[in-house]
Amino acid sequence: DIDLKGITVTEAKGFGRQKGHTEL
């Protein structure tokens, strides 16, 4: 929308303050 067309996208994994979560 602001006429910026060129981007690079990379899938990543990480955590900050949330420090992940527990799953069953």
mmCIF file of all heavy atoms, coordinates in Angstrom:
data_MODEL
# 
_entry.id   MODEL 
# 
loop_
_atom_site.group_PDB 
_atom_site.id 
_atom_site.type_symbol 
_atom_site.label_atom_id 
_atom_site.label_alt_id 
_atom_site.label_comp_id 
_atom_site.label_asym_id 
_atom_site.label_entity_id 
_atom_site.label_seq_id 
_atom_site.pdbx_PDB_ins_code 
_atom_site.Cartn_x 
_atom_site.Cartn_y 
_atom_site.Cartn_z 
_atom_site.occupancy 
_atom_site.B_iso_or_equiv 
_atom_site.pdbx_formal_charge 
_atom_site.auth_seq_id 
_atom_site.auth_comp_id 
_atom_site.auth_asym_id 
_atom_site.auth_atom_id 
_atom_site.pdbx_PDB_model_num 
ATOM 1   N N   . ASP A 1 1  ? 0.816  -1.222  0.000  1.00 0.00 ? 1  ASP A N   1 
ATOM 2   C CA  . ASP A 1 1  ? 0.000  0.000   0.000  1.00 0.00 ? 1  ASP A CA  1 
ATOM 3   C C   . ASP A 1 1  ? 0.848  1.268   0.000  1.00 0.00 ? 1  ASP A C   1 
ATOM 4   O O   . ASP A 1 1  ? 0.399  2.314   -0.456 1.00 0.00 ? 1  ASP A O   1 
ATOM 5   C CB  . ASP A 1 1  ? -0.954 0.014   1.199  1.00 0.00 ? 1  ASP A CB  1 
ATOM 6   C CG  . ASP A 1 1  ? -2.077 -1.008  1.066  1.00 0.00 ? 1  ASP A CG  1 
ATOM 7   O OD1 . ASP A 1 1  ? -2.293 -1.532  -0.054 1.00 0.00 ? 1  ASP A OD1 1 
ATOM 8   O OD2 . ASP A 1 1  ? -2.736 -1.296  2.093  1.00 0.00 ? 1  ASP A OD2 1 
ATOM 9   N N   . ILE A 1 2  ? 2.072  1.188   0.528  1.00 0.00 ? 2  ILE A N   1 
ATOM 10  C CA  . ILE A 1 2  ? 2.954  2.364   0.515  1.00 0.00 ? 2  ILE A CA  1 
ATOM 11  C C   . ILE A 1 2  ? 4.047  2.214   -0.550 1.00 0.00 ? 2  ILE A C   1 
ATOM 12  O O   . ILE A 1 2  ? 5.101  2.842   -0.468 1.00 0.00 ? 2  ILE A O   1 
ATOM 13  C CB  . ILE A 1 2  ? 3.569  2.637   1.910  1.00 0.00 ? 2  ILE A CB  1 
ATOM 14  C CG1 . ILE A 1 2  ? 4.407  1.462   2.404  1.00 0.00 ? 2  ILE A CG1 1 
ATOM 15  C CG2 . ILE A 1 2  ? 2.492  3.004   2.908  1.00 0.00 ? 2  ILE A CG2 1 
ATOM 16  C CD1 . ILE A 1 2  ? 5.264  1.788   3.603  1.00 0.00 ? 2  ILE A CD1 1 
ATOM 17  N N   . ASP A 1 3  ? 3.779  1.357   -1.538 1.00 0.00 ? 3  ASP A N   1 
ATOM 18  C CA  . ASP A 1 3  ? 4.655  1.157   -2.703 1.00 0.00 ? 3  ASP A CA  1 
ATOM 19  C C   . ASP A 1 3  ? 6.021  0.588   -2.367 1.00 0.00 ? 3  ASP A C   1 
ATOM 20  O O   . ASP A 1 3  ? 7.002  0.908   -3.038 1.00 0.00 ? 3  ASP A O   1 
ATOM 21  C CB  . ASP A 1 3  ? 4.805  2.454   -3.504 1.00 0.00 ? 3  ASP A CB  1 
ATOM 22  C CG  . ASP A 1 3  ? 3.529  2.815   -4.243 1.00 0.00 ? 3  ASP A CG  1 
ATOM 23  O OD1 . ASP A 1 3  ? 2.790  1.888   -4.618 1.00 0.00 ? 3  ASP A OD1 1 
ATOM 24  O OD2 . ASP A 1 3  ? 3.269  4.013   -4.429 1.00 0.00 ? 3  ASP A OD2 1 
ATOM 25  N N   . LEU A 1 4  ? 6.115  -0.258  -1.355 1.00 0.00 ? 4  LEU A N   1 
ATOM 26  C CA  . LEU A 1 4  ? 7.336  -1.009  -1.089 1.00 0.00 ? 4  LEU A CA  1 
ATOM 27  C C   . LEU A 1 4  ? 7.080  -2.443  -1.524 1.00 0.00 ? 4  LEU A C   1 
ATOM 28  O O   . LEU A 1 4  ? 6.269  -3.129  -0.925 1.00 0.00 ? 4  LEU A O   1 
ATOM 29  C CB  . LEU A 1 4  ? 7.715  -0.948  0.392  1.00 0.00 ? 4  LEU A CB  1 
ATOM 30  C CG  . LEU A 1 4  ? 8.130  0.416   0.909  1.00 0.00 ? 4  LEU A CG  1 
ATOM 31  C CD1 . LEU A 1 4  ? 8.406  0.355   2.406  1.00 0.00 ? 4  LEU A CD1 1 
ATOM 32  C CD2 . LEU A 1 4  ? 9.344  0.933   0.177  1.00 0.00 ? 4  LEU A CD2 1 
ATOM 33  N N   . LYS A 1 5  ? 7.745  -2.868  -2.564 1.00 0.00 ? 5  LYS A N   1 
ATOM 34  C CA  . LYS A 1 5  ? 7.419  -4.157  -3.176 1.00 0.00 ? 5  LYS A CA  1 
ATOM 35  C C   . LYS A 1 5  ? 8.409  -5.271  -2.833 1.00 0.00 ? 5  LYS A C   1 
ATOM 36  O O   . LYS A 1 5  ? 8.053  -6.414  -2.764 1.00 0.00 ? 5  LYS A O   1 
ATOM 37  C CB  . LYS A 1 5  ? 7.372  -4.001  -4.697 1.00 0.00 ? 5  LYS A CB  1 
ATOM 38  C CG  . LYS A 1 5  ? 6.513  -2.853  -5.158 1.00 0.00 ? 5  LYS A CG  1 
ATOM 39  C CD  . LYS A 1 5  ? 5.132  -3.302  -5.499 1.00 0.00 ? 5  LYS A CD  1 
ATOM 40  C CE  . LYS A 1 5  ? 4.342  -2.188  -6.138 1.00 0.00 ? 5  LYS A CE  1 
ATOM 41  N NZ  . LYS A 1 5  ? 3.223  -1.768  -5.354 1.00 0.00 ? 5  LYS A NZ  1 
ATOM 42  N N   . GLY A 1 6  ? 9.689  -4.948  -2.679 1.00 0.00 ? 6  GLY A N   1 
ATOM 43  C CA  . GLY A 1 6  ? 10.696 -5.989  -2.527 1.00 0.00 ? 6  GLY A CA  1 
ATOM 44  C C   . GLY A 1 6  ? 10.929 -6.395  -1.095 1.00 0.00 ? 6  GLY A C   1 
ATOM 45  O O   . GLY A 1 6  ? 11.474 -5.642  -0.296 1.00 0.00 ? 6  GLY A O   1 
ATOM 46  N N   . ILE A 1 7  ? 10.498 -7.601  -0.736 1.00 0.00 ? 7  ILE A N   1 
ATOM 47  C CA  . ILE A 1 7  ? 10.753 -8.113  0.605  1.00 0.00 ? 7  ILE A CA  1 
ATOM 48  C C   . ILE A 1 7  ? 11.270 -9.545  0.488  1.00 0.00 ? 7  ILE A C   1 
ATOM 49  O O   . ILE A 1 7  ? 10.999 -10.240 -0.486 1.00 0.00 ? 7  ILE A O   1 
ATOM 50  C CB  . ILE A 1 7  ? 9.510  -8.064  1.520  1.00 0.00 ? 7  ILE A CB  1 
ATOM 51  C CG1 . ILE A 1 7  ? 8.406  -8.993  1.027  1.00 0.00 ? 7  ILE A CG1 1 
ATOM 52  C CG2 . ILE A 1 7  ? 8.994  -6.667  1.687  1.00 0.00 ? 7  ILE A CG2 1 
ATOM 53  C CD1 . ILE A 1 7  ? 7.243  -9.140  2.012  1.00 0.00 ? 7  ILE A CD1 1 
ATOM 54  N N   . THR A 1 8  ? 12.007 -9.955  1.495  1.00 0.00 ? 8  THR A N   1 
ATOM 55  C CA  . THR A 1 8  ? 12.465 -11.336 1.618  1.00 0.00 ? 8  THR A CA  1 
ATOM 56  C C   . THR A 1 8  ? 11.829 -11.899 2.873  1.00 0.00 ? 8  THR A C   1 
ATOM 57  O O   . THR A 1 8  ? 11.843 -11.261 3.926  1.00 0.00 ? 8  THR A O   1 
ATOM 58  C CB  . THR A 1 8  ? 13.998 -11.394 1.734  1.00 0.00 ? 8  THR A CB  1 
ATOM 59  O OG1 . THR A 1 8  ? 14.568 -10.816 0.568  1.00 0.00 ? 8  THR A OG1 1 
ATOM 60  C CG2 . THR A 1 8  ? 14.483 -12.827 1.861  1.00 0.00 ? 8  THR A CG2 1 
ATOM 61  N N   . VAL A 1 9  ? 11.279 -13.103 2.765  1.00 0.00 ? 9  VAL A N   1 
ATOM 62  C CA  . VAL A 1 9  ? 10.591 -13.732 3.889  1.00 0.00 ? 9  VAL A CA  1 
ATOM 63  C C   . VAL A 1 9  ? 11.280 -15.054 4.206  1.00 0.00 ? 9  VAL A C   1 
ATOM 64  O O   . VAL A 1 9  ? 11.531 -15.860 3.314  1.00 0.00 ? 9  VAL A O   1 
ATOM 65  C CB  . VAL A 1 9  ? 9.101  -13.983 3.560  1.00 0.00 ? 9  VAL A CB  1 
ATOM 66  C CG1 . VAL A 1 9  ? 8.407  -14.702 4.703  1.00 0.00 ? 9  VAL A CG1 1 
ATOM 67  C CG2 . VAL A 1 9  ? 8.404  -12.672 3.243  1.00 0.00 ? 9  VAL A CG2 1 
ATOM 68  N N   . THR A 1 10 ? 11.578 -15.257 5.494  1.00 0.00 ? 10 THR A N   1 
ATOM 69  C CA  . THR A 1 10 ? 12.215 -16.480 5.958  1.00 0.00 ? 10 THR A CA  1 
ATOM 70  C C   . THR A 1 10 ? 11.410 -17.041 7.114  1.00 0.00 ? 10 THR A C   1 
ATOM 71  O O   . THR A 1 10 ? 11.020 -16.296 8.017  1.00 0.00 ? 10 THR A O   1 
ATOM 72  C CB  . THR A 1 10 ? 13.651 -16.182 6.458  1.00 0.00 ? 10 THR A CB  1 
ATOM 73  O OG1 . THR A 1 10 ? 14.363 -15.472 5.453  1.00 0.00 ? 10 THR A OG1 1 
ATOM 74  C CG2 . THR A 1 10 ? 14.393 -17.450 6.780  1.00 0.00 ? 10 THR A CG2 1 
ATOM 75  N N   . GLU A 1 11 ? 11.174 -18.346 7.086  1.00 0.00 ? 11 GLU A N   1 
ATOM 76  C CA  . GLU A 1 11 ? 10.525 -18.980 8.229  1.00 0.00 ? 11 GLU A CA  1 
ATOM 77  C C   . GLU A 1 11 ? 11.566 -19.121 9.325  1.00 0.00 ? 11 GLU A C   1 
ATOM 78  O O   . GLU A 1 11 ? 12.714 -19.476 9.063  1.00 0.00 ? 11 GLU A O   1 
ATOM 79  C CB  . GLU A 1 11 ? 9.968  -20.350 7.847  1.00 0.00 ? 11 GLU A CB  1 
ATOM 80  C CG  . GLU A 1 11 ? 8.785  -20.263 6.898  1.00 0.00 ? 11 GLU A CG  1 
ATOM 81  C CD  . GLU A 1 11 ? 8.195  -21.622 6.594  1.00 0.00 ? 11 GLU A CD  1 
ATOM 82  O OE1 . GLU A 1 11 ? 8.441  -22.582 7.359  1.00 0.00 ? 11 GLU A OE1 1 
ATOM 83  O OE2 . GLU A 1 11 ? 7.490  -21.729 5.591  1.00 0.00 ? 11 GLU A OE2 1 
ATOM 84  N N   . ALA A 1 12 ? 11.176 -18.830 10.560 1.00 0.00 ? 12 ALA A N   1 
ATOM 85  C CA  . ALA A 1 12 ? 12.110 -18.880 11.677 1.00 0.00 ? 12 ALA A CA  1 
ATOM 86  C C   . ALA A 1 12 ? 11.420 -19.471 12.899 1.00 0.00 ? 12 ALA A C   1 
ATOM 87  O O   . ALA A 1 12 ? 10.196 -19.599 12.936 1.00 0.00 ? 12 ALA A O   1 
ATOM 88  C CB  . ALA A 1 12 ? 12.614 -17.473 11.988 1.00 0.00 ? 12 ALA A CB  1 
ATOM 89  N N   . LYS A 1 13 ? 12.215 -19.823 13.883 1.00 0.00 ? 13 LYS A N   1 
ATOM 90  C CA  . LYS A 1 13 ? 11.694 -20.265 15.174 1.00 0.00 ? 13 LYS A CA  1 
ATOM 91  C C   . LYS A 1 13 ? 12.449 -19.520 16.246 1.00 0.00 ? 13 LYS A C   1 
ATOM 92  O O   . LYS A 1 13 ? 13.634 -19.235 16.107 1.00 0.00 ? 13 LYS A O   1 
ATOM 93  C CB  . LYS A 1 13 ? 11.901 -21.771 15.355 1.00 0.00 ? 13 LYS A CB  1 
ATOM 94  C CG  . LYS A 1 13 ? 11.040 -22.608 14.446 1.00 0.00 ? 13 LYS A CG  1 
ATOM 95  C CD  . LYS A 1 13 ? 11.179 -24.055 14.767 1.00 0.00 ? 13 LYS A CD  1 
ATOM 96  C CE  . LYS A 1 13 ? 10.238 -24.834 13.865 1.00 0.00 ? 13 LYS A CE  1 
ATOM 97  N NZ  . LYS A 1 13 ? 10.089 -26.205 14.306 1.00 0.00 ? 13 LYS A NZ  1 
ATOM 98  N N   . GLY A 1 14 ? 11.751 -19.166 17.311 1.00 0.00 ? 14 GLY A N   1 
ATOM 99  C CA  . GLY A 1 14 ? 12.412 -18.471 18.397 1.00 0.00 ? 14 GLY A CA  1 
ATOM 100 C C   . GLY A 1 14 ? 11.461 -18.191 19.541 1.00 0.00 ? 14 GLY A C   1 
ATOM 101 O O   . GLY A 1 14 ? 10.301 -18.580 19.503 1.00 0.00 ? 14 GLY A O   1 
ATOM 102 N N   . PHE A 1 15 ? 11.999 -17.514 20.545 1.00 0.00 ? 15 PHE A N   1 
ATOM 103 C CA  . PHE A 1 15 ? 11.162 -17.108 21.665 1.00 0.00 ? 15 PHE A CA  1 
ATOM 104 C C   . PHE A 1 15 ? 11.785 -15.898 22.324 1.00 0.00 ? 15 PHE A C   1 
ATOM 105 O O   . PHE A 1 15 ? 12.968 -15.634 22.191 1.00 0.00 ? 15 PHE A O   1 
ATOM 106 C CB  . PHE A 1 15 ? 10.969 -18.236 22.688 1.00 0.00 ? 15 PHE A CB  1 
ATOM 107 C CG  . PHE A 1 15 ? 12.222 -18.632 23.406 1.00 0.00 ? 15 PHE A CG  1 
ATOM 108 C CD1 . PHE A 1 15 ? 12.577 -18.017 24.594 1.00 0.00 ? 15 PHE A CD1 1 
ATOM 109 C CD2 . PHE A 1 15 ? 13.040 -19.623 22.901 1.00 0.00 ? 15 PHE A CD2 1 
ATOM 110 C CE1 . PHE A 1 15 ? 13.726 -18.383 25.265 1.00 0.00 ? 15 PHE A CE1 1 
ATOM 111 C CE2 . PHE A 1 15 ? 14.190 -19.991 23.560 1.00 0.00 ? 15 PHE A CE2 1 
ATOM 112 C CZ  . PHE A 1 15 ? 14.546 -19.373 24.746 1.00 0.00 ? 15 PHE A CZ  1 
ATOM 113 N N   . GLY A 1 16 ? 10.944 -15.152 22.984 1.00 0.00 ? 16 GLY A N   1 
ATOM 114 C CA  . GLY A 1 16 ? 11.380 -13.991 23.749 1.00 0.00 ? 16 GLY A CA  1 
ATOM 115 C C   . GLY A 1 16 ? 10.871 -14.145 25.158 1.00 0.00 ? 16 GLY A C   1 
ATOM 116 O O   . GLY A 1 16 ? 11.085 -15.167 25.790 1.00 0.00 ? 16 GLY A O   1 
ATOM 117 N N   . ARG A 1 17 ? 10.112 -13.162 25.597 1.00 0.00 ? 17 ARG A N   1 
ATOM 118 C CA  . ARG A 1 17 ? 9.572  -13.211 26.957 1.00 0.00 ? 17 ARG A CA  1 
ATOM 119 C C   . ARG A 1 17 ? 8.582  -14.337 27.149 1.00 0.00 ? 17 ARG A C   1 
ATOM 120 O O   . ARG A 1 17 ? 8.396  -14.845 28.244 1.00 0.00 ? 17 ARG A O   1 
ATOM 121 C CB  . ARG A 1 17 ? 8.885  -11.889 27.294 1.00 0.00 ? 17 ARG A CB  1 
ATOM 122 C CG  . ARG A 1 17 ? 9.838  -10.772 27.478 1.00 0.00 ? 17 ARG A CG  1 
ATOM 123 C CD  . ARG A 1 17 ? 9.102  -9.541  27.942 1.00 0.00 ? 17 ARG A CD  1 
ATOM 124 N NE  . ARG A 1 17 ? 10.002 -8.405  27.946 1.00 0.00 ? 17 ARG A NE  1 
ATOM 125 C CZ  . ARG A 1 17 ? 9.612  -7.174  27.874 1.00 0.00 ? 17 ARG A CZ  1 
ATOM 126 N NH1 . ARG A 1 17 ? 8.330  -6.899  27.794 1.00 0.00 ? 17 ARG A NH1 1 
ATOM 127 N NH2 . ARG A 1 17 ? 10.485 -6.199  27.879 1.00 0.00 ? 17 ARG A NH2 1 
ATOM 128 N N   . GLN A 1 18 ? 7.899  -14.736 26.054 1.00 0.00 ? 18 GLN A N   1 
ATOM 129 C CA  . GLN A 1 18 ? 6.864  -15.748 26.215 1.00 0.00 ? 18 GLN A CA  1 
ATOM 130 C C   . GLN A 1 18 ? 7.446  -17.119 26.534 1.00 0.00 ? 18 GLN A C   1 
ATOM 131 O O   . GLN A 1 18 ? 6.779  -17.976 27.073 1.00 0.00 ? 18 GLN A O   1 
ATOM 132 C CB  . GLN A 1 18 ? 5.966  -15.798 24.982 1.00 0.00 ? 18 GLN A CB  1 
ATOM 133 C CG  . GLN A 1 18 ? 6.679  -16.190 23.708 1.00 0.00 ? 18 GLN A CG  1 
ATOM 134 C CD  . GLN A 1 18 ? 5.898  -15.828 22.472 1.00 0.00 ? 18 GLN A CD  1 
ATOM 135 O OE1 . GLN A 1 18 ? 6.360  -15.079 21.670 1.00 0.00 ? 18 GLN A OE1 1 
ATOM 136 N NE2 . GLN A 1 18 ? 4.736  -16.361 22.329 1.00 0.00 ? 18 GLN A NE2 1 
ATOM 137 N N   . LYS A 1 19 ? 8.685  -17.373 26.181 1.00 0.00 ? 19 LYS A N   1 
ATOM 138 C CA  . LYS A 1 19 ? 9.420  -18.589 26.544 1.00 0.00 ? 19 LYS A CA  1 
ATOM 139 C C   . LYS A 1 19 ? 8.688  -19.873 26.170 1.00 0.00 ? 19 LYS A C   1 
ATOM 140 O O   . LYS A 1 19 ? 8.778  -20.870 26.875 1.00 0.00 ? 19 LYS A O   1 
ATOM 141 C CB  . LYS A 1 19 ? 9.738  -18.587 28.032 1.00 0.00 ? 19 LYS A CB  1 
ATOM 142 C CG  . LYS A 1 19 ? 10.653 -17.462 28.440 1.00 0.00 ? 19 LYS A CG  1 
ATOM 143 C CD  . LYS A 1 19 ? 11.002 -17.560 29.899 1.00 0.00 ? 19 LYS A CD  1 
ATOM 144 C CE  . LYS A 1 19 ? 11.951 -16.485 30.327 1.00 0.00 ? 19 LYS A CE  1 
ATOM 145 N NZ  . LYS A 1 19 ? 11.373 -15.186 30.504 1.00 0.00 ? 19 LYS A NZ  1 
ATOM 146 N N   . GLY A 1 20 ? 7.980  -19.885 25.081 1.00 0.00 ? 20 GLY A N   1 
ATOM 147 C CA  . GLY A 1 20 ? 7.324  -21.108 24.622 1.00 0.00 ? 20 GLY A CA  1 
ATOM 148 C C   . GLY A 1 20 ? 6.050  -21.407 25.390 1.00 0.00 ? 20 GLY A C   1 
ATOM 149 O O   . GLY A 1 20 ? 5.534  -20.594 26.136 1.00 0.00 ? 20 GLY A O   1 
ATOM 150 N N   . HIS A 1 21 ? 5.574  -22.630 25.204 1.00 0.00 ? 21 HIS A N   1 
ATOM 151 C CA  . HIS A 1 21 ? 4.369  -23.053 25.894 1.00 0.00 ? 21 HIS A CA  1 
ATOM 152 C C   . HIS A 1 21 ? 4.367  -24.572 26.035 1.00 0.00 ? 21 HIS A C   1 
ATOM 153 O O   . HIS A 1 21 ? 5.181  -25.261 25.434 1.00 0.00 ? 21 HIS A O   1 
ATOM 154 C CB  . HIS A 1 21 ? 3.119  -22.574 25.141 1.00 0.00 ? 21 HIS A CB  1 
ATOM 155 C CG  . HIS A 1 21 ? 3.004  -23.119 23.754 1.00 0.00 ? 21 HIS A CG  1 
ATOM 156 N ND1 . HIS A 1 21 ? 3.637  -22.553 22.676 1.00 0.00 ? 21 HIS A ND1 1 
ATOM 157 C CD2 . HIS A 1 21 ? 2.347  -24.200 23.272 1.00 0.00 ? 21 HIS A CD2 1 
ATOM 158 C CE1 . HIS A 1 21 ? 3.365  -23.263 21.580 1.00 0.00 ? 21 HIS A CE1 1 
ATOM 159 N NE2 . HIS A 1 21 ? 2.592  -24.259 21.921 1.00 0.00 ? 21 HIS A NE2 1 
ATOM 160 N N   . THR A 1 22 ? 3.438  -25.091 26.832 1.00 0.00 ? 22 THR A N   1 
ATOM 161 C CA  . THR A 1 22 ? 3.327  -26.531 27.069 1.00 0.00 ? 22 THR A CA  1 
ATOM 162 C C   . THR A 1 22 ? 2.194  -27.095 26.225 1.00 0.00 ? 22 THR A C   1 
ATOM 163 O O   . THR A 1 22 ? 1.131  -26.487 26.111 1.00 0.00 ? 22 THR A O   1 
ATOM 164 C CB  . THR A 1 22 ? 3.039  -26.796 28.561 1.00 0.00 ? 22 THR A CB  1 
ATOM 165 O OG1 . THR A 1 22 ? 4.063  -26.174 29.329 1.00 0.00 ? 22 THR A OG1 1 
ATOM 166 C CG2 . THR A 1 22 ? 3.023  -28.261 28.869 1.00 0.00 ? 22 THR A CG2 1 
ATOM 167 N N   . GLU A 1 23 ? 2.448  -28.259 25.610 1.00 0.00 ? 23 GLU A N   1 
ATOM 168 C CA  . GLU A 1 23 ? 1.420  -28.933 24.815 1.00 0.00 ? 23 GLU A CA  1 
ATOM 169 C C   . GLU A 1 23 ? 1.269  -30.360 25.299 1.00 0.00 ? 23 GLU A C   1 
ATOM 170 O O   . GLU A 1 23 ? 2.186  -30.940 25.882 1.00 0.00 ? 23 GLU A O   1 
ATOM 171 C CB  . GLU A 1 23 ? 1.790  -28.923 23.327 1.00 0.00 ? 23 GLU A CB  1 
ATOM 172 C CG  . GLU A 1 23 ? 1.675  -27.559 22.690 1.00 0.00 ? 23 GLU A CG  1 
ATOM 173 C CD  . GLU A 1 23 ? 1.847  -27.596 21.174 1.00 0.00 ? 23 GLU A CD  1 
ATOM 174 O OE1 . GLU A 1 23 ? 1.986  -28.700 20.611 1.00 0.00 ? 23 GLU A OE1 1 
ATOM 175 O OE2 . GLU A 1 23 ? 1.842  -26.524 20.574 1.00 0.00 ? 23 GLU A OE2 1 
ATOM 176 N N   . LEU A 1 24 ? 0.111  -30.922 25.008 1.00 0.00 ? 24 LEU A N   1 
ATOM 177 C CA  . LEU A 1 24 ? -0.181 -32.301 25.362 1.00 0.00 ? 24 LEU A CA  1 
ATOM 178 C C   . LEU A 1 24 ? -0.243 -33.122 24.082 1.00 0.00 ? 24 LEU A C   1 
ATOM 179 O O   . LEU A 1 24 ? -0.990 -32.777 23.159 1.00 0.00 ? 24 LEU A O   1 
ATOM 180 C CB  . LEU A 1 24 ? -1.526 -32.354 26.107 1.00 0.00 ? 24 LEU A CB  1 
ATOM 181 C CG  . LEU A 1 24 ? -1.831 -33.605 26.906 1.00 0.00 ? 24 LEU A CG  1 
ATOM 182 C CD1 . LEU A 1 24 ? -0.799 -33.774 28.020 1.00 0.00 ? 24 LEU A CD1 1 
ATOM 183 C CD2 . LEU A 1 24 ? -3.218 -33.507 27.517 1.00 0.00 ? 24 LEU A CD2 1 
# 
